[in-house]
PDB file of all heavy atoms in Angstrom:
ATOM      1  N   THR A   1     -42.576 -13.020 -36.366  1.00  0.00           N
ATOM      2  CA  THR A   1     -42.501 -13.036 -34.919  1.00  0.00           C
ATOM      3  C   THR A   1     -41.043 -12.903 -34.467  1.00  0.00           C
ATOM      4  O   THR A   1     -40.160 -13.554 -34.987  1.00  0.00           O
ATOM      5  CB  THR A   1     -43.087 -14.331 -34.362  1.00  0.00           C
ATOM      6  OG1 THR A   1     -44.462 -14.447 -34.787  1.00  0.00           O
ATOM      7  CG2 THR A   1     -43.071 -14.338 -32.851  1.00  0.00           C
ATOM      8  N   LEU A   2     -40.857 -12.057 -33.473  1.00  0.00           N
ATOM      9  CA  LEU A   2     -39.562 -11.825 -32.841  1.00  0.00           C
ATOM     10  C   LEU A   2     -39.552 -12.523 -31.479  1.00  0.00           C
ATOM     11  O   LEU A   2     -40.565 -12.542 -30.781  1.00  0.00           O
ATOM     12  CB  LEU A   2     -39.337 -10.330 -32.674  1.00  0.00           C
ATOM     13  CG  LEU A   2     -38.045  -9.873 -31.970  1.00  0.00           C
ATOM     14  CD1 LEU A   2     -36.860 -10.064 -32.901  1.00  0.00           C
ATOM     15  CD2 LEU A   2     -38.162  -8.409 -31.556  1.00  0.00           C
ATOM     16  N   TYR A   3     -38.400 -13.050 -31.109  1.00  0.00           N
ATOM     17  CA  TYR A   3     -38.288 -13.754 -29.831  1.00  0.00           C
ATOM     18  C   TYR A   3     -37.090 -13.205 -29.025  1.00  0.00           C
ATOM     19  O   TYR A   3     -36.128 -12.711 -29.581  1.00  0.00           O
ATOM     20  CB  TYR A   3     -38.048 -15.248 -30.032  1.00  0.00           C
ATOM     21  CG  TYR A   3     -39.150 -15.942 -30.776  1.00  0.00           C
ATOM     22  CD1 TYR A   3     -39.015 -16.218 -32.142  1.00  0.00           C
ATOM     23  CD2 TYR A   3     -40.330 -16.318 -30.139  1.00  0.00           C
ATOM     24  CE1 TYR A   3     -40.015 -16.864 -32.831  1.00  0.00           C
ATOM     25  CE2 TYR A   3     -41.336 -16.946 -30.836  1.00  0.00           C
ATOM     26  CZ  TYR A   3     -41.171 -17.231 -32.192  1.00  0.00           C
ATOM     27  OH  TYR A   3     -42.170 -17.859 -32.877  1.00  0.00           O
ATOM     28  N   LEU A   4     -37.205 -13.332 -27.727  1.00  0.00           N
ATOM     29  CA  LEU A   4     -36.069 -13.089 -26.831  1.00  0.00           C
ATOM     30  C   LEU A   4     -36.052 -14.228 -25.819  1.00  0.00           C
ATOM     31  O   LEU A   4     -36.921 -14.318 -24.943  1.00  0.00           O
ATOM     32  CB  LEU A   4     -36.182 -11.745 -26.113  1.00  0.00           C
ATOM     33  CG  LEU A   4     -34.987 -11.381 -25.228  1.00  0.00           C
ATOM     34  CD1 LEU A   4     -33.741 -11.126 -26.081  1.00  0.00           C
ATOM     35  CD2 LEU A   4     -35.282 -10.162 -24.366  1.00  0.00           C
ATOM     36  N   GLN A   5     -35.076 -15.114 -25.953  1.00  0.00           N
ATOM     37  CA  GLN A   5     -34.872 -16.192 -25.004  1.00  0.00           C
ATOM     38  C   GLN A   5     -33.954 -15.678 -23.895  1.00  0.00           C
ATOM     39  O   GLN A   5     -32.803 -15.309 -24.178  1.00  0.00           O
ATOM     40  CB  GLN A   5     -34.256 -17.396 -25.683  1.00  0.00           C
ATOM     41  CG  GLN A   5     -33.964 -18.571 -24.759  1.00  0.00           C
ATOM     42  CD  GLN A   5     -35.214 -19.173 -24.171  1.00  0.00           C
ATOM     43  OE1 GLN A   5     -36.136 -19.502 -24.902  1.00  0.00           O
ATOM     44  NE2 GLN A   5     -35.249 -19.318 -22.843  1.00  0.00           N
ATOM     45  N   MET A   6     -34.431 -15.668 -22.682  1.00  0.00           N
ATOM     46  CA  MET A   6     -33.681 -15.145 -21.544  1.00  0.00           C
ATOM     47  C   MET A   6     -33.386 -16.298 -20.594  1.00  0.00           C
ATOM     48  O   MET A   6     -34.287 -17.036 -20.190  1.00  0.00           O
ATOM     49  CB  MET A   6     -34.471 -14.058 -20.825  1.00  0.00           C
ATOM     50  CG  MET A   6     -34.866 -12.896 -21.716  1.00  0.00           C
ATOM     51  SD  MET A   6     -35.667 -11.554 -20.813  1.00  0.00           S
ATOM     52  CE  MET A   6     -37.200 -12.360 -20.368  1.00  0.00           C
ATOM     53  N   SER A   7     -32.108 -16.414 -20.232  1.00  0.00           N
ATOM     54  CA  SER A   7     -31.668 -17.439 -19.310  1.00  0.00           C
ATOM     55  C   SER A   7     -30.833 -16.807 -18.203  1.00  0.00           C
ATOM     56  O   SER A   7     -30.399 -15.649 -18.340  1.00  0.00           O
ATOM     57  CB  SER A   7     -30.839 -18.498 -20.044  1.00  0.00           C
ATOM     58  OG  SER A   7     -31.575 -19.139 -21.051  1.00  0.00           O
ATOM     59  N   GLU A   8     -30.618 -17.562 -17.139  1.00  0.00           N
ATOM     60  CA  GLU A   8     -29.840 -17.073 -15.995  1.00  0.00           C
ATOM     61  C   GLU A   8     -30.346 -15.709 -15.544  1.00  0.00           C
ATOM     62  O   GLU A   8     -29.567 -14.788 -15.287  1.00  0.00           O
ATOM     63  CB  GLU A   8     -28.356 -17.020 -16.338  1.00  0.00           C
ATOM     64  CG  GLU A   8     -27.769 -18.353 -16.789  1.00  0.00           C
ATOM     65  CD  GLU A   8     -26.308 -18.235 -17.199  1.00  0.00           C
ATOM     66  OE1 GLU A   8     -25.504 -17.751 -16.366  1.00  0.00           O
ATOM     67  OE2 GLU A   8     -25.980 -18.632 -18.321  1.00  0.00           O
ATOM     68  N   LEU A   9     -31.640 -15.606 -15.404  1.00  0.00           N
ATOM     69  CA  LEU A   9     -32.265 -14.331 -15.067  1.00  0.00           C
ATOM     70  C   LEU A   9     -31.882 -13.894 -13.653  1.00  0.00           C
ATOM     71  O   LEU A   9     -31.755 -14.720 -12.740  1.00  0.00           O
ATOM     72  CB  LEU A   9     -33.780 -14.433 -15.222  1.00  0.00           C
ATOM     73  CG  LEU A   9     -34.231 -14.385 -16.687  1.00  0.00           C
ATOM     74  CD1 LEU A   9     -35.665 -14.898 -16.795  1.00  0.00           C
ATOM     75  CD2 LEU A   9     -34.115 -12.974 -17.228  1.00  0.00           C
ATOM     76  N   ARG A  10     -31.754 -12.611 -13.494  1.00  0.00           N
ATOM     77  CA  ARG A  10     -31.371 -11.975 -12.257  1.00  0.00           C
ATOM     78  C   ARG A  10     -32.436 -10.971 -11.824  1.00  0.00           C
ATOM     79  O   ARG A  10     -33.167 -10.472 -12.657  1.00  0.00           O
ATOM     80  CB  ARG A  10     -30.024 -11.246 -12.418  1.00  0.00           C
ATOM     81  CG  ARG A  10     -28.911 -12.078 -12.966  1.00  0.00           C
ATOM     82  CD  ARG A  10     -27.795 -11.229 -13.511  1.00  0.00           C
ATOM     83  NE  ARG A  10     -26.711 -12.007 -14.092  1.00  0.00           N
ATOM     84  CZ  ARG A  10     -25.751 -11.500 -14.857  1.00  0.00           C
ATOM     85  NH1 ARG A  10     -25.746 -10.198 -15.151  1.00  0.00           N
ATOM     86  NH2 ARG A  10     -24.815 -12.299 -15.337  1.00  0.00           N
ATOM     87  N   PRO A  11     -32.525 -10.681 -10.527  1.00  0.00           N
ATOM     88  CA  PRO A  11     -33.503  -9.691 -10.077  1.00  0.00           C
ATOM     89  C   PRO A  11     -33.391  -8.361 -10.811  1.00  0.00           C
ATOM     90  O   PRO A  11     -34.399  -7.684 -11.079  1.00  0.00           O
ATOM     91  CB  PRO A  11     -33.192  -9.543  -8.590  1.00  0.00           C
ATOM     92  CG  PRO A  11     -32.676 -10.876  -8.209  1.00  0.00           C
ATOM     93  CD  PRO A  11     -31.853 -11.330  -9.391  1.00  0.00           C
ATOM     94  N   GLU A  12     -32.168  -7.969 -11.180  1.00  0.00           N
ATOM     95  CA  GLU A  12     -31.980  -6.700 -11.892  1.00  0.00           C
ATOM     96  C   GLU A  12     -32.469  -6.734 -13.307  1.00  0.00           C
ATOM     97  O   GLU A  12     -32.471  -5.691 -13.990  1.00  0.00           O
ATOM     98  CB  GLU A  12     -30.495  -6.277 -11.833  1.00  0.00           C
ATOM     99  CG  GLU A  12     -29.532  -7.361 -12.334  1.00  0.00           C
ATOM    100  CD  GLU A  12     -28.913  -8.139 -11.197  1.00  0.00           C
ATOM    101  OE1 GLU A  12     -29.643  -8.504 -10.251  1.00  0.00           O
ATOM    102  OE2 GLU A  12     -27.700  -8.414 -11.263  1.00  0.00           O
ATOM    103  N   ASP A  13     -32.905  -7.896 -13.813  1.00  0.00           N
ATOM    104  CA  ASP A  13     -33.532  -7.980 -15.125  1.00  0.00           C
ATOM    105  C   ASP A  13     -35.015  -7.603 -15.062  1.00  0.00           C
ATOM    106  O   ASP A  13     -35.661  -7.499 -16.121  1.00  0.00           O
ATOM    107  CB  ASP A  13     -33.422  -9.403 -15.702  1.00  0.00           C
ATOM    108  CG  ASP A  13     -31.979  -9.776 -16.024  1.00  0.00           C
ATOM    109  OD1 ASP A  13     -31.234  -8.905 -16.549  1.00  0.00           O
ATOM    110  OD2 ASP A  13     -31.607 -10.953 -15.766  1.00  0.00           O
ATOM    111  N   THR A  14     -35.550  -7.409 -13.887  1.00  0.00           N
ATOM    112  CA  THR A  14     -36.947  -7.084 -13.722  1.00  0.00           C
ATOM    113  C   THR A  14     -37.291  -5.755 -14.394  1.00  0.00           C
ATOM    114  O   THR A  14     -36.596  -4.763 -14.238  1.00  0.00           O
ATOM    115  CB  THR A  14     -37.311  -7.021 -12.229  1.00  0.00           C
ATOM    116  OG1 THR A  14     -37.170  -8.318 -11.653  1.00  0.00           O
ATOM    117  CG2 THR A  14     -38.735  -6.543 -12.031  1.00  0.00           C
ATOM    118  N   GLY A  15     -38.363  -5.754 -15.151  1.00  0.00           N
ATOM    119  CA  GLY A  15     -38.790  -4.542 -15.834  1.00  0.00           C
ATOM    120  C   GLY A  15     -39.808  -4.854 -16.911  1.00  0.00           C
ATOM    121  O   GLY A  15     -40.236  -5.978 -17.084  1.00  0.00           O
ATOM    122  N   VAL A  16     -40.183  -3.821 -17.638  1.00  0.00           N
ATOM    123  CA  VAL A  16     -41.094  -3.969 -18.762  1.00  0.00           C
ATOM    124  C   VAL A  16     -40.274  -4.104 -20.043  1.00  0.00           C
ATOM    125  O   VAL A  16     -39.420  -3.246 -20.312  1.00  0.00           O
ATOM    126  CB  VAL A  16     -42.077  -2.791 -18.878  1.00  0.00           C
ATOM    127  CG1 VAL A  16     -43.006  -2.969 -20.066  1.00  0.00           C
ATOM    128  CG2 VAL A  16     -42.890  -2.661 -17.595  1.00  0.00           C
ATOM    129  N   TYR A  17     -40.532  -5.139 -20.780  1.00  0.00           N
ATOM    130  CA  TYR A  17     -39.769  -5.397 -22.021  1.00  0.00           C
ATOM    131  C   TYR A  17     -40.625  -5.051 -23.240  1.00  0.00           C
ATOM    132  O   TYR A  17     -41.791  -5.445 -23.311  1.00  0.00           O
ATOM    133  CB  TYR A  17     -39.347  -6.859 -22.067  1.00  0.00           C
ATOM    134  CG  TYR A  17     -38.194  -7.157 -21.154  1.00  0.00           C
ATOM    135  CD1 TYR A  17     -38.363  -7.128 -19.770  1.00  0.00           C
ATOM    136  CD2 TYR A  17     -36.927  -7.469 -21.669  1.00  0.00           C
ATOM    137  CE1 TYR A  17     -37.282  -7.364 -18.928  1.00  0.00           C
ATOM    138  CE2 TYR A  17     -35.866  -7.718 -20.827  1.00  0.00           C
ATOM    139  CZ  TYR A  17     -36.030  -7.675 -19.451  1.00  0.00           C
ATOM    140  OH  TYR A  17     -34.978  -7.915 -18.621  1.00  0.00           O
ATOM    141  N   TYR A  18     -40.032  -4.316 -24.150  1.00  0.00           N
ATOM    142  CA  TYR A  18     -40.712  -3.837 -25.342  1.00  0.00           C
ATOM    143  C   TYR A  18     -40.015  -4.344 -26.595  1.00  0.00           C
ATOM    144  O   TYR A  18     -38.788  -4.391 -26.657  1.00  0.00           O
ATOM    145  CB  TYR A  18     -40.717  -2.311 -25.412  1.00  0.00           C
ATOM    146  CG  TYR A  18     -41.387  -1.596 -24.257  1.00  0.00           C
ATOM    147  CD1 TYR A  18     -40.676  -1.304 -23.100  1.00  0.00           C
ATOM    148  CD2 TYR A  18     -42.722  -1.234 -24.350  1.00  0.00           C
ATOM    149  CE1 TYR A  18     -41.294  -0.633 -22.049  1.00  0.00           C
ATOM    150  CE2 TYR A  18     -43.332  -0.568 -23.300  1.00  0.00           C
ATOM    151  CZ  TYR A  18     -42.616  -0.273 -22.162  1.00  0.00           C
ATOM    152  OH  TYR A  18     -43.233   0.391 -21.118  1.00  0.00           O
ATOM    153  N   CYS A  19     -40.780  -4.672 -27.607  1.00  0.00           N
ATOM    154  CA  CYS A  19     -40.181  -4.879 -28.928  1.00  0.00           C
ATOM    155  C   CYS A  19     -40.442  -3.658 -29.781  1.00  0.00           C
ATOM    156  O   CYS A  19     -41.404  -2.916 -29.556  1.00  0.00           O
ATOM    157  CB  CYS A  19     -40.707  -6.159 -29.598  1.00  0.00           C
ATOM    158  SG  CYS A  19     -42.397  -6.095 -30.185  1.00  0.00           S
ATOM    159  N   ALA A  20     -39.571  -3.451 -30.763  1.00  0.00           N
ATOM    160  CA  ALA A  20     -39.668  -2.242 -31.580  1.00  0.00           C
ATOM    161  C   ALA A  20     -39.060  -2.518 -32.970  1.00  0.00           C
ATOM    162  O   ALA A  20     -38.248  -3.401 -33.130  1.00  0.00           O
ATOM    163  CB  ALA A  20     -38.952  -1.070 -30.925  1.00  0.00           C
ATOM    164  N   ARG A  21     -39.451  -1.692 -33.936  1.00  0.00           N
ATOM    165  CA  ARG A  21     -38.955  -1.807 -35.295  1.00  0.00           C
ATOM    166  C   ARG A  21     -38.259  -0.513 -35.721  1.00  0.00           C
ATOM    167  O   ARG A  21     -38.728   0.573 -35.433  1.00  0.00           O
ATOM    168  CB  ARG A  21     -40.093  -2.105 -36.258  1.00  0.00           C
ATOM    169  CG  ARG A  21     -39.607  -2.492 -37.644  1.00  0.00           C
ATOM    170  CD  ARG A  21     -40.670  -2.239 -38.717  1.00  0.00           C
ATOM    171  NE  ARG A  21     -40.793  -0.838 -39.028  1.00  0.00           N
ATOM    172  CZ  ARG A  21     -41.572  -0.335 -39.983  1.00  0.00           C
ATOM    173  NH1 ARG A  21     -42.338  -1.171 -40.714  1.00  0.00           N
ATOM    174  NH2 ARG A  21     -41.625   0.981 -40.218  1.00  0.00           N
ATOM    175  N   ALA A  22     -37.130  -0.675 -36.414  1.00  0.00           N
ATOM    176  CA  ALA A  22     -36.405   0.441 -36.979  1.00  0.00           C
ATOM    177  C   ALA A  22     -36.131   0.206 -38.453  1.00  0.00           C
ATOM    178  O   ALA A  22     -36.068  -0.936 -38.914  1.00  0.00           O
ATOM    179  CB  ALA A  22     -35.096   0.661 -36.228  1.00  0.00           C
ATOM    180  N   ARG A  23     -35.959   1.288 -39.190  1.00  0.00           N
ATOM    181  CA  ARG A  23     -35.648   1.187 -40.604  1.00  0.00           C
ATOM    182  C   ARG A  23     -34.135   1.229 -40.869  1.00  0.00           C
ATOM    183  O   ARG A  23     -33.707   0.886 -41.962  1.00  0.00           O
ATOM    184  CB  ARG A  23     -36.344   2.311 -41.371  1.00  0.00           C
ATOM    185  CG  ARG A  23     -37.847   2.097 -41.493  1.00  0.00           C
ATOM    186  CD  ARG A  23     -38.529   3.281 -42.122  1.00  0.00           C
ATOM    187  NE  ARG A  23     -38.562   4.423 -41.229  1.00  0.00           N
ATOM    188  CZ  ARG A  23     -39.175   5.572 -41.506  1.00  0.00           C
ATOM    189  NH1 ARG A  23     -39.770   5.736 -42.678  1.00  0.00           N
ATOM    190  NH2 ARG A  23     -39.157   6.557 -40.619  1.00  0.00           N
ATOM    191  N   SER A  24     -33.360   1.614 -39.853  1.00  0.00           N
ATOM    192  CA  SER A  24     -31.904   1.619 -39.959  1.00  0.00           C
ATOM    193  C   SER A  24     -31.329   1.307 -38.588  1.00  0.00           C
ATOM    194  O   SER A  24     -32.015   1.397 -37.565  1.00  0.00           O
ATOM    195  CB  SER A  24     -31.381   2.952 -40.501  1.00  0.00           C
ATOM    196  OG  SER A  24     -31.766   4.005 -39.647  1.00  0.00           O
ATOM    197  N   TYR A  25     -30.047   0.953 -38.552  1.00  0.00           N
ATOM    198  CA  TYR A  25     -29.417   0.505 -37.309  1.00  0.00           C
ATOM    199  C   TYR A  25     -29.455   1.559 -36.236  1.00  0.00           C
ATOM    200  O   TYR A  25     -29.070   2.710 -36.459  1.00  0.00           O
ATOM    201  CB  TYR A  25     -27.965   0.105 -37.587  1.00  0.00           C
ATOM    202  CG  TYR A  25     -27.254  -0.449 -36.397  1.00  0.00           C
ATOM    203  CD1 TYR A  25     -27.268  -1.829 -36.150  1.00  0.00           C
ATOM    204  CD2 TYR A  25     -26.572   0.382 -35.507  1.00  0.00           C
ATOM    205  CE1 TYR A  25     -26.627  -2.355 -35.029  1.00  0.00           C
ATOM    206  CE2 TYR A  25     -25.934  -0.147 -34.392  1.00  0.00           C
ATOM    207  CZ  TYR A  25     -25.944  -1.509 -34.154  1.00  0.00           C
ATOM    208  OH  TYR A  25     -25.332  -2.028 -33.069  1.00  0.00           O
ATOM    209  N   SER A  26     -29.870   1.156 -35.069  1.00  0.00           N
ATOM    210  CA  SER A  26     -29.916   2.048 -33.912  1.00  0.00           C
ATOM    211  C   SER A  26     -30.002   1.220 -32.645  1.00  0.00           C
ATOM    212  O   SER A  26     -30.632   0.173 -32.620  1.00  0.00           O
ATOM    213  CB  SER A  26     -31.085   3.008 -34.004  1.00  0.00           C
ATOM    214  OG  SER A  26     -31.172   3.850 -32.838  1.00  0.00           O
ATOM    215  N   THR A  27     -29.377   1.736 -31.584  1.00  0.00           N
ATOM    216  CA  THR A  27     -29.493   1.132 -30.259  1.00  0.00           C
ATOM    217  C   THR A  27     -30.112   2.084 -29.247  1.00  0.00           C
ATOM    218  O   THR A  27     -30.009   1.870 -28.048  1.00  0.00           O
ATOM    219  CB  THR A  27     -28.110   0.668 -29.753  1.00  0.00           C
ATOM    220  OG1 THR A  27     -27.215   1.759 -29.700  1.00  0.00           O
ATOM    221  CG2 THR A  27     -27.539  -0.422 -30.660  1.00  0.00           C
ATOM    222  N   VAL A  28     -30.762   3.127 -29.746  1.00  0.00           N
ATOM    223  CA  VAL A  28     -31.452   4.081 -28.865  1.00  0.00           C
ATOM    224  C   VAL A  28     -32.924   4.152 -29.265  1.00  0.00           C
ATOM    225  O   VAL A  28     -33.284   3.958 -30.416  1.00  0.00           O
ATOM    226  CB  VAL A  28     -30.797   5.476 -28.910  1.00  0.00           C
ATOM    227  CG1 VAL A  28     -29.366   5.406 -28.382  1.00  0.00           C
ATOM    228  CG2 VAL A  28     -30.806   6.030 -30.325  1.00  0.00           C
ATOM    229  N   PRO A  29     -33.801   4.451 -28.300  1.00  0.00           N
ATOM    230  CA  PRO A  29     -35.235   4.430 -28.587  1.00  0.00           C
ATOM    231  C   PRO A  29     -35.685   5.329 -29.732  1.00  0.00           C
ATOM    232  O   PRO A  29     -36.605   4.968 -30.463  1.00  0.00           O
ATOM    233  CB  PRO A  29     -35.848   4.869 -27.245  1.00  0.00           C
ATOM    234  CG  PRO A  29     -34.878   4.428 -26.241  1.00  0.00           C
ATOM    235  CD  PRO A  29     -33.520   4.645 -26.877  1.00  0.00           C
ATOM    236  N   ARG A  30     -35.045   6.501 -29.889  1.00  0.00           N
ATOM    237  CA  ARG A  30     -35.484   7.426 -30.923  1.00  0.00           C
ATOM    238  C   ARG A  30     -35.281   6.903 -32.320  1.00  0.00           C
ATOM    239  O   ARG A  30     -35.860   7.452 -33.279  1.00  0.00           O
ATOM    240  CB  ARG A  30     -34.777   8.773 -30.773  1.00  0.00           C
ATOM    241  CG  ARG A  30     -33.277   8.756 -31.068  1.00  0.00           C
ATOM    242  CD  ARG A  30     -32.709  10.159 -31.020  1.00  0.00           C
ATOM    243  NE  ARG A  30     -31.291  10.194 -31.322  1.00  0.00           N
ATOM    244  CZ  ARG A  30     -30.323  10.080 -30.420  1.00  0.00           C
ATOM    245  NH1 ARG A  30     -30.642   9.937 -29.145  1.00  0.00           N
ATOM    246  NH2 ARG A  30     -29.076  10.113 -30.778  1.00  0.00           N
ATOM    247  N   GLY A  31     -34.519   5.837 -32.482  1.00  0.00           N
ATOM    248  CA  GLY A  31     -34.294   5.239 -33.795  1.00  0.00           C
ATOM    249  C   GLY A  31     -35.410   4.305 -34.240  1.00  0.00           C
ATOM    250  O   GLY A  31     -35.392   3.827 -35.375  1.00  0.00           O
ATOM    251  N   TYR A  32     -36.372   4.054 -33.375  1.00  0.00           N
ATOM    252  CA  TYR A  32     -37.414   3.092 -33.652  1.00  0.00           C
ATOM    253  C   TYR A  32     -38.774   3.758 -33.841  1.00  0.00           C
ATOM    254  O   TYR A  32     -39.143   4.631 -33.068  1.00  0.00           O
ATOM    255  CB  TYR A  32     -37.462   2.037 -32.518  1.00  0.00           C
ATOM    256  CG  TYR A  32     -36.251   1.154 -32.579  1.00  0.00           C
ATOM    257  CD1 TYR A  32     -35.014   1.613 -32.112  1.00  0.00           C
ATOM    258  CD2 TYR A  32     -36.311  -0.105 -33.152  1.00  0.00           C
ATOM    259  CE1 TYR A  32     -33.884   0.833 -32.216  1.00  0.00           C
ATOM    260  CE2 TYR A  32     -35.184  -0.889 -33.252  1.00  0.00           C
ATOM    261  CZ  TYR A  32     -33.978  -0.418 -32.799  1.00  0.00           C
ATOM    262  OH  TYR A  32     -32.830  -1.208 -32.900  1.00  0.00           O
ATOM    263  N   ASP A  33     -39.468   3.333 -34.893  1.00  0.00           N
ATOM    264  CA  ASP A  33     -40.694   4.001 -35.264  1.00  0.00           C
ATOM    265  C   ASP A  33     -41.976   3.278 -34.847  1.00  0.00           C
ATOM    266  O   ASP A  33     -43.046   3.879 -34.848  1.00  0.00           O
ATOM    267  CB  ASP A  33     -40.722   4.273 -36.778  1.00  0.00           C
ATOM    268  CG  ASP A  33     -40.452   3.039 -37.633  1.00  0.00           C
ATOM    269  OD1 ASP A  33     -40.298   1.934 -37.065  1.00  0.00           O
ATOM    270  OD2 ASP A  33     -40.372   3.205 -38.854  1.00  0.00           O
ATOM    271  N   TYR A  34     -41.888   2.024 -34.495  1.00  0.00           N
ATOM    272  CA  TYR A  34     -43.032   1.267 -33.994  1.00  0.00           C
ATOM    273  C   TYR A  34     -42.673   0.524 -32.740  1.00  0.00           C
ATOM    274  O   TYR A  34     -41.574  -0.041 -32.642  1.00  0.00           O
ATOM    275  CB  TYR A  34     -43.570   0.288 -35.056  1.00  0.00           C
ATOM    276  CG  TYR A  34     -44.234   0.969 -36.226  1.00  0.00           C
ATOM    277  CD1 TYR A  34     -43.546   1.164 -37.404  1.00  0.00           C
ATOM    278  CD2 TYR A  34     -45.574   1.381 -36.125  1.00  0.00           C
ATOM    279  CE1 TYR A  34     -44.164   1.794 -38.473  1.00  0.00           C
ATOM    280  CE2 TYR A  34     -46.183   1.999 -37.199  1.00  0.00           C
ATOM    281  CZ  TYR A  34     -45.469   2.205 -38.374  1.00  0.00           C
ATOM    282  OH  TYR A  34     -46.082   2.835 -39.441  1.00  0.00           O
ATOM    283  N   TRP A  35     -43.586   0.492 -31.778  1.00  0.00           N
ATOM    284  CA  TRP A  35     -43.364  -0.125 -30.481  1.00  0.00           C
ATOM    285  C   TRP A  35     -44.545  -0.959 -30.063  1.00  0.00           C
ATOM    286  O   TRP A  35     -45.700  -0.643 -30.369  1.00  0.00           O
ATOM    287  CB  TRP A  35     -43.146   0.940 -29.417  1.00  0.00           C
ATOM    288  CG  TRP A  35     -41.882   1.710 -29.571  1.00  0.00           C
ATOM    289  CD1 TRP A  35     -41.657   2.797 -30.387  1.00  0.00           C
ATOM    290  CD2 TRP A  35     -40.639   1.467 -28.893  1.00  0.00           C
ATOM    291  NE1 TRP A  35     -40.359   3.220 -30.248  1.00  0.00           N
ATOM    292  CE2 TRP A  35     -39.719   2.419 -29.349  1.00  0.00           C
ATOM    293  CE3 TRP A  35     -40.247   0.530 -27.950  1.00  0.00           C
ATOM    294  CZ2 TRP A  35     -38.408   2.484 -28.880  1.00  0.00           C
ATOM    295  CZ3 TRP A  35     -38.929   0.582 -27.493  1.00  0.00           C
ATOM    296  CH2 TRP A  35     -38.034   1.539 -27.964  1.00  0.00           C
ATOM    297  N   GLY A  36     -44.263  -2.051 -29.352  1.00  0.00           N
ATOM    298  CA  GLY A  36     -45.310  -2.828 -28.729  1.00  0.00           C
ATOM    299  C   GLY A  36     -45.708  -2.193 -27.411  1.00  0.00           C
ATOM    300  O   GLY A  36     -45.166  -1.176 -26.978  1.00  0.00           O
ATOM    301  N   GLN A  37     -46.688  -2.827 -26.774  1.00  0.00           N
ATOM    302  CA  GLN A  37     -47.223  -2.259 -25.535  1.00  0.00           C
ATOM    303  C   GLN A  37     -46.390  -2.619 -24.319  1.00  0.00           C
ATOM    304  O   GLN A  37     -46.547  -2.035 -23.247  1.00  0.00           O
ATOM    305  CB  GLN A  37     -48.659  -2.753 -25.326  1.00  0.00           C
ATOM    306  CG  GLN A  37     -48.815  -4.143 -24.710  1.00  0.00           C
ATOM    307  CD  GLN A  37     -48.427  -5.275 -25.648  1.00  0.00           C
ATOM    308  OE1 GLN A  37     -48.239  -5.080 -26.834  1.00  0.00           O
ATOM    309  NE2 GLN A  37     -48.310  -6.471 -25.080  1.00  0.00           N
ATOM    310  N   GLY A  38     -45.513  -3.587 -24.444  1.00  0.00           N
ATOM    311  CA  GLY A  38     -44.661  -4.013 -23.362  1.00  0.00           C
ATOM    312  C   GLY A  38     -45.213  -5.210 -22.590  1.00  0.00           C
ATOM    313  O   GLY A  38     -46.423  -5.397 -22.543  1.00  0.00           O
ATOM    314  N   THR A  39     -44.314  -6.007 -22.045  1.00  0.00           N
ATOM    315  CA  THR A  39     -44.720  -7.144 -21.224  1.00  0.00           C
ATOM    316  C   THR A  39     -43.814  -7.166 -19.975  1.00  0.00           C
ATOM    317  O   THR A  39     -42.601  -6.968 -20.059  1.00  0.00           O
ATOM    318  CB  THR A  39     -44.626  -8.454 -22.013  1.00  0.00           C
ATOM    319  OG1 THR A  39     -45.137  -9.534 -21.213  1.00  0.00           O
ATOM    320  CG2 THR A  39     -43.194  -8.789 -22.438  1.00  0.00           C
ATOM    321  N   GLN A  40     -44.431  -7.384 -18.845  1.00  0.00           N
ATOM    322  CA  GLN A  40     -43.717  -7.332 -17.558  1.00  0.00           C
ATOM    323  C   GLN A  40     -42.941  -8.609 -17.308  1.00  0.00           C
ATOM    324  O   GLN A  40     -43.487  -9.713 -17.434  1.00  0.00           O
ATOM    325  CB  GLN A  40     -44.696  -7.098 -16.415  1.00  0.00           C
ATOM    326  CG  GLN A  40     -44.068  -7.110 -15.026  1.00  0.00           C
ATOM    327  CD  GLN A  40     -43.218  -5.902 -14.730  1.00  0.00           C
ATOM    328  OE1 GLN A  40     -43.591  -4.763 -15.105  1.00  0.00           O
ATOM    329  NE2 GLN A  40     -42.079  -6.095 -14.103  1.00  0.00           N
ATOM    330  N   VAL A  41     -41.677  -8.443 -16.916  1.00  0.00           N
ATOM    331  CA  VAL A  41     -40.850  -9.561 -16.485  1.00  0.00           C
ATOM    332  C   VAL A  41     -40.422  -9.282 -15.049  1.00  0.00           C
ATOM    333  O   VAL A  41     -39.868  -8.216 -14.752  1.00  0.00           O
ATOM    334  CB  VAL A  41     -39.601  -9.725 -17.391  1.00  0.00           C
ATOM    335  CG1 VAL A  41     -38.638 -10.760 -16.781  1.00  0.00           C
ATOM    336  CG2 VAL A  41     -40.005 -10.128 -18.787  1.00  0.00           C
ATOM    337  N   THR A  42     -40.692 -10.215 -14.181  1.00  0.00           N
ATOM    338  CA  THR A  42     -40.318 -10.079 -12.771  1.00  0.00           C
ATOM    339  C   THR A  42     -39.482 -11.272 -12.363  1.00  0.00           C
ATOM    340  O   THR A  42     -39.931 -12.425 -12.491  1.00  0.00           O
ATOM    341  CB  THR A  42     -41.555  -9.988 -11.869  1.00  0.00           C
ATOM    342  OG1 THR A  42     -42.359  -8.870 -12.285  1.00  0.00           O
ATOM    343  CG2 THR A  42     -41.162  -9.800 -10.412  1.00  0.00           C
ATOM    344  N   VAL A  43     -38.279 -10.999 -11.864  1.00  0.00           N
ATOM    345  CA  VAL A  43     -37.382 -12.042 -11.404  1.00  0.00           C
ATOM    346  C   VAL A  43     -37.275 -11.921  -9.894  1.00  0.00           C
ATOM    347  O   VAL A  43     -36.688 -10.961  -9.379  1.00  0.00           O
ATOM    348  CB  VAL A  43     -36.001 -11.942 -12.048  1.00  0.00           C
ATOM    349  CG1 VAL A  43     -35.115 -13.103 -11.620  1.00  0.00           C
ATOM    350  CG2 VAL A  43     -36.121 -11.887 -13.569  1.00  0.00           C
ATOM    351  N   SER A  44     -37.854 -12.881  -9.202  1.00  0.00           N
ATOM    352  CA  SER A  44     -37.921 -12.820  -7.752  1.00  0.00           C
ATOM    353  C   SER A  44     -38.066 -14.201  -7.156  1.00  0.00           C
ATOM    354  O   SER A  44     -38.640 -15.098  -7.768  1.00  0.00           O
ATOM    355  CB  SER A  44     -39.104 -11.960  -7.313  1.00  0.00           C
ATOM    356  OG  SER A  44     -39.242 -11.948  -5.901  1.00  0.00           O
TER     357      SER A  44
END
């Protein structure tokens, strides 16, 4: 299980958050081969 603890949330953090897996280091989406369906975070 992977976690993301988010604190001091701001309205600009609002969006759909996805987890993903990569076989090598990458910070861009094309580097990841598996993705979750996403979960909505709304800061308001």
